């Protein structure tokens, strides 16, 4: 029953009884809605728990050199835009949240070369040192600058699980991960989407 469907009543002896019946009908509708919302909320993550969850945005502040060709190299994100729970380590490049749940994780890597051209570029999210998700595989032939990235959802246990980013490249010389003070080229971010 919509609340704007109130009865059109004319003055008379049945007016009071009609108003009481209408009020009871509205109360039943409101109570049913309240019960339905309570049932939904019983199994849901309270919104405050998600809003207070860990979130971070890290990036390369300068170029990272010394990369091995034909292998996955760690990307070390040495600066942060923010880290709400202190869960990201700029020395190790690890994100170790202390809240169990499902995390939206995003990463992008810009690779540049001083000579030659790339064969392909692969950006990967690692969980506890092993491959968790391959975000993008790009055939970057005939290029000396290339960016690859993406996003995924990963479950974390909230105690020992940690995430890092690695990148694979098979060509070029003088290859490096490009970074800048604005954090626009090579970056890593994530936030709690839902508690476990």
Protein backbone atom coordinates (compact mmCIF):
# COMPACT_ATOMS: atom_id res chain seq x y z
CA UNK A 1 0.00 0.00 0.00
CA UNK A 2 1.43 3.38 -0.95
CA UNK A 3 1.20 6.06 1.67
CA UNK A 4 -0.20 8.49 -0.88
CA UNK A 5 -3.25 6.22 -1.35
CA UNK A 6 -5.01 7.49 1.72
CA UNK A 7 -8.78 7.12 1.66
CA UNK A 8 -10.98 9.93 0.37
CA UNK A 9 -13.40 10.32 3.24
CA UNK A 10 -16.47 12.39 3.64
CA UNK A 11 -17.51 13.61 7.07
CA UNK A 12 -19.98 11.32 8.74
CA UNK A 13 -20.48 8.63 11.41
CA UNK A 14 -18.04 6.11 9.79
CA UNK A 15 -15.17 8.56 9.38
CA UNK A 16 -13.32 7.61 12.55
CA UNK A 17 -13.59 3.84 11.91
CA UNK A 18 -12.35 4.30 8.32
CA UNK A 19 -9.32 6.27 9.50
CA UNK A 20 -8.48 3.57 12.07
CA UNK A 21 -8.70 0.83 9.39
CA UNK A 22 -6.48 2.83 7.04
CA UNK A 23 -3.88 3.46 9.80
CA UNK A 24 -3.81 -0.28 10.63
CA UNK A 25 -3.27 -1.11 6.95
CA UNK A 26 -0.36 1.35 6.75
CA UNK A 27 1.16 -0.08 9.95
CA UNK A 28 1.00 -3.65 8.53
CA UNK A 29 2.78 -2.50 5.36
CA UNK A 30 5.47 -0.64 7.29
CA UNK A 31 6.02 -3.59 9.65
CA UNK A 32 6.35 -6.02 6.71
CA UNK A 33 8.91 -3.72 5.09
CA UNK A 34 10.84 -3.41 8.37
CA UNK A 35 10.90 -7.23 8.76
CA UNK A 36 12.11 -7.68 5.19
CA UNK A 37 14.94 -5.16 5.69
CA UNK A 38 15.92 -6.88 8.94
CA UNK A 39 16.13 -10.25 7.17
CA UNK A 40 18.33 -8.81 4.43
CA UNK A 41 20.62 -7.06 6.91
CA UNK A 42 21.02 -10.20 9.05
CA UNK A 43 23.15 -11.83 6.34
CA UNK A 44 24.84 -8.72 4.97
CA UNK A 45 28.04 -6.96 5.86
CA UNK A 46 27.15 -3.75 7.70
CA UNK A 47 28.10 -0.83 5.48
CA UNK A 48 30.24 0.70 8.23
CA UNK A 49 32.47 -2.39 8.24
CA UNK A 50 33.25 -1.94 4.55
CA UNK A 51 33.69 1.82 4.79
CA UNK A 52 36.24 1.37 7.58
CA UNK A 53 38.15 -1.41 5.76
CA UNK A 54 41.73 -1.13 4.51
CA UNK A 55 42.37 0.84 1.33
CA UNK A 56 45.61 1.92 -0.31
CA UNK A 57 47.04 3.49 -3.46
CA UNK A 58 50.77 3.07 -4.11
CA UNK A 59 52.95 4.00 -7.08
CA UNK A 60 56.47 4.20 -8.50
CA UNK A 61 57.90 7.62 -7.71
CA UNK A 62 60.82 7.10 -10.13
CA UNK A 63 62.03 4.58 -12.68
CA UNK A 64 62.91 1.05 -11.56
CA UNK A 65 65.84 -0.38 -13.49
CA UNK A 66 67.88 -3.60 -13.43
CA UNK A 67 65.10 -5.81 -14.78
CA UNK A 68 65.82 -9.31 -16.12
CA UNK A 69 64.39 -10.12 -19.56
CA UNK A 70 62.26 -13.22 -20.00
CA UNK A 71 61.35 -13.40 -16.29
CA UNK A 72 58.81 -12.01 -13.86
CA UNK A 73 60.36 -9.09 -11.92
CA UNK A 74 58.95 -7.60 -8.72
CA UNK A 75 57.51 -4.13 -9.13
CA UNK A 76 58.49 -2.09 -6.08
CA UNK A 77 55.99 0.67 -5.40
CA UNK A 78 57.99 3.13 -3.32
CA UNK A 79 55.42 5.85 -2.61
CA UNK A 80 51.77 6.10 -1.53
CA UNK A 81 48.87 8.40 -2.22
CA UNK A 82 47.16 6.94 0.86
CA UNK A 83 47.15 3.85 3.09
CA UNK A 84 44.21 3.94 5.51
CA UNK A 85 45.33 0.98 7.66
CA UNK A 86 49.11 0.96 7.24
CA UNK A 87 48.77 -2.33 5.33
CA UNK A 88 51.08 -1.47 2.41
CA UNK A 89 54.87 -1.65 2.74
CA UNK A 90 56.79 0.64 0.35
CA UNK A 91 60.05 -1.27 0.96
CA UNK A 92 58.77 -4.74 0.04
CA UNK A 93 55.84 -3.72 -2.20
CA UNK A 94 53.54 -5.95 -0.15
CA UNK A 95 49.91 -5.31 0.72
CA UNK A 96 49.08 -7.28 3.90
CA UNK A 97 45.57 -6.37 5.14
CA UNK A 98 44.62 -7.36 8.68
CA UNK A 99 40.92 -7.68 7.88
CA UNK A 100 39.71 -10.94 6.32
CA UNK A 101 37.61 -10.44 3.23
CA UNK A 102 37.38 -9.92 -0.50
CA UNK A 103 39.54 -7.14 -1.94
CA UNK A 104 39.27 -5.26 -5.20
CA UNK A 105 42.87 -5.06 -6.45
CA UNK A 106 44.13 -2.95 -9.37
CA UNK A 107 47.57 -2.59 -10.94
CA UNK A 108 49.14 -0.99 -13.99
CA UNK A 109 52.76 -1.05 -15.13
CA UNK A 110 54.36 1.18 -17.74
CA UNK A 111 57.44 -0.42 -19.25
CA UNK A 112 59.94 1.54 -21.33
CA UNK A 113 63.12 0.58 -23.18
CA UNK A 114 66.11 2.63 -24.31
CA UNK A 115 66.61 0.30 -27.29
CA UNK A 116 65.05 -2.60 -29.15
CA UNK A 117 61.38 -3.47 -28.92
CA UNK A 118 59.23 -5.50 -26.52
CA UNK A 119 58.07 -9.01 -27.25
CA UNK A 120 55.19 -9.11 -24.77
CA UNK A 121 54.25 -7.63 -21.42
CA UNK A 122 52.43 -9.47 -18.63
CA UNK A 123 51.25 -7.93 -15.36
CA UNK A 124 50.50 -10.39 -12.56
CA UNK A 125 49.15 -10.16 -9.00
CA UNK A 126 50.91 -12.61 -6.67
CA UNK A 127 49.45 -13.92 -3.43
CA UNK A 128 51.92 -15.16 -0.81
CA UNK A 129 54.67 -15.33 -3.45
CA UNK A 130 52.74 -17.36 -6.05
CA UNK A 131 50.68 -16.33 -9.06
CA UNK A 132 47.12 -15.36 -8.16
CA UNK A 133 45.80 -13.47 -11.21
CA UNK A 134 47.30 -12.51 -14.55
CA UNK A 135 45.81 -9.11 -15.27
CA UNK A 136 46.88 -8.55 -18.85
CA UNK A 137 49.05 -10.12 -21.48
CA UNK A 138 49.91 -7.64 -24.21
CA UNK A 139 51.83 -8.32 -27.37
CA UNK A 140 53.81 -5.11 -27.49
CA UNK A 141 55.95 -5.69 -30.56
CA UNK A 142 57.49 -2.69 -32.30
CA UNK A 143 57.07 -0.54 -29.21
CA UNK A 144 59.55 1.04 -26.79
CA UNK A 145 56.88 2.13 -24.29
CA UNK A 146 53.89 0.06 -23.23
CA UNK A 147 51.38 -0.08 -20.38
CA UNK A 148 49.40 -3.07 -19.18
CA UNK A 149 47.12 -3.52 -16.19
CA UNK A 150 43.70 -4.41 -14.88
CA UNK A 151 41.73 -5.31 -11.78
CA UNK A 152 40.47 -8.39 -9.98
CA UNK A 153 38.83 -9.56 -6.75
CA UNK A 154 41.00 -11.61 -4.35
CA UNK A 155 40.11 -13.22 -1.01
CA UNK A 156 42.53 -12.47 1.87
CA UNK A 157 42.65 -14.21 5.27
CA UNK A 158 43.39 -11.03 7.26
CA UNK A 159 46.46 -12.47 9.01
CA UNK A 160 49.27 -13.80 6.81
CA UNK A 161 48.10 -13.30 3.21
CA UNK A 162 49.92 -10.65 1.21
CA UNK A 163 49.87 -9.40 -2.39
CA UNK A 164 52.62 -8.15 -4.69
CA UNK A 165 52.85 -7.23 -8.36
CA UNK A 166 55.27 -8.75 -10.87
CA UNK A 167 55.79 -8.01 -14.54
CA UNK A 168 57.20 -10.07 -17.40
CA UNK A 169 58.85 -8.71 -20.55
CA UNK A 170 60.62 -10.61 -23.30
CA UNK A 171 62.38 -7.94 -25.34
CA UNK A 172 64.12 -4.60 -25.53
CA UNK A 173 67.31 -3.28 -23.97
CA UNK A 174 67.70 -0.89 -21.07
CA UNK A 175 64.20 -1.86 -19.92
CA UNK A 176 62.71 -0.14 -16.84
CA UNK A 177 59.41 0.43 -15.07
CA UNK A 178 58.44 4.04 -15.60
CA UNK A 179 57.50 6.08 -12.52
CA UNK A 180 56.77 9.71 -11.72
CA UNK A 181 55.91 11.91 -8.75
CA UNK A 182 52.24 12.09 -9.76
CA UNK A 183 51.89 8.30 -9.67
CA UNK A 184 50.21 8.16 -13.09
CA UNK A 185 52.34 5.54 -14.87
CA UNK A 186 53.00 2.53 -12.60
CA UNK A 187 50.57 2.04 -9.72
CA UNK A 188 48.96 -0.53 -7.38
CA UNK A 189 45.78 -0.05 -5.34
CA UNK A 190 43.11 -1.97 -3.48
CA UNK A 191 40.27 -1.81 -0.98
CA UNK A 192 38.04 -4.09 1.06
CA UNK A 193 34.93 -4.85 -0.99
CA UNK A 194 33.32 -7.23 1.52
CA UNK A 195 34.36 -8.84 4.79
CA UNK A 196 34.66 -12.63 4.89
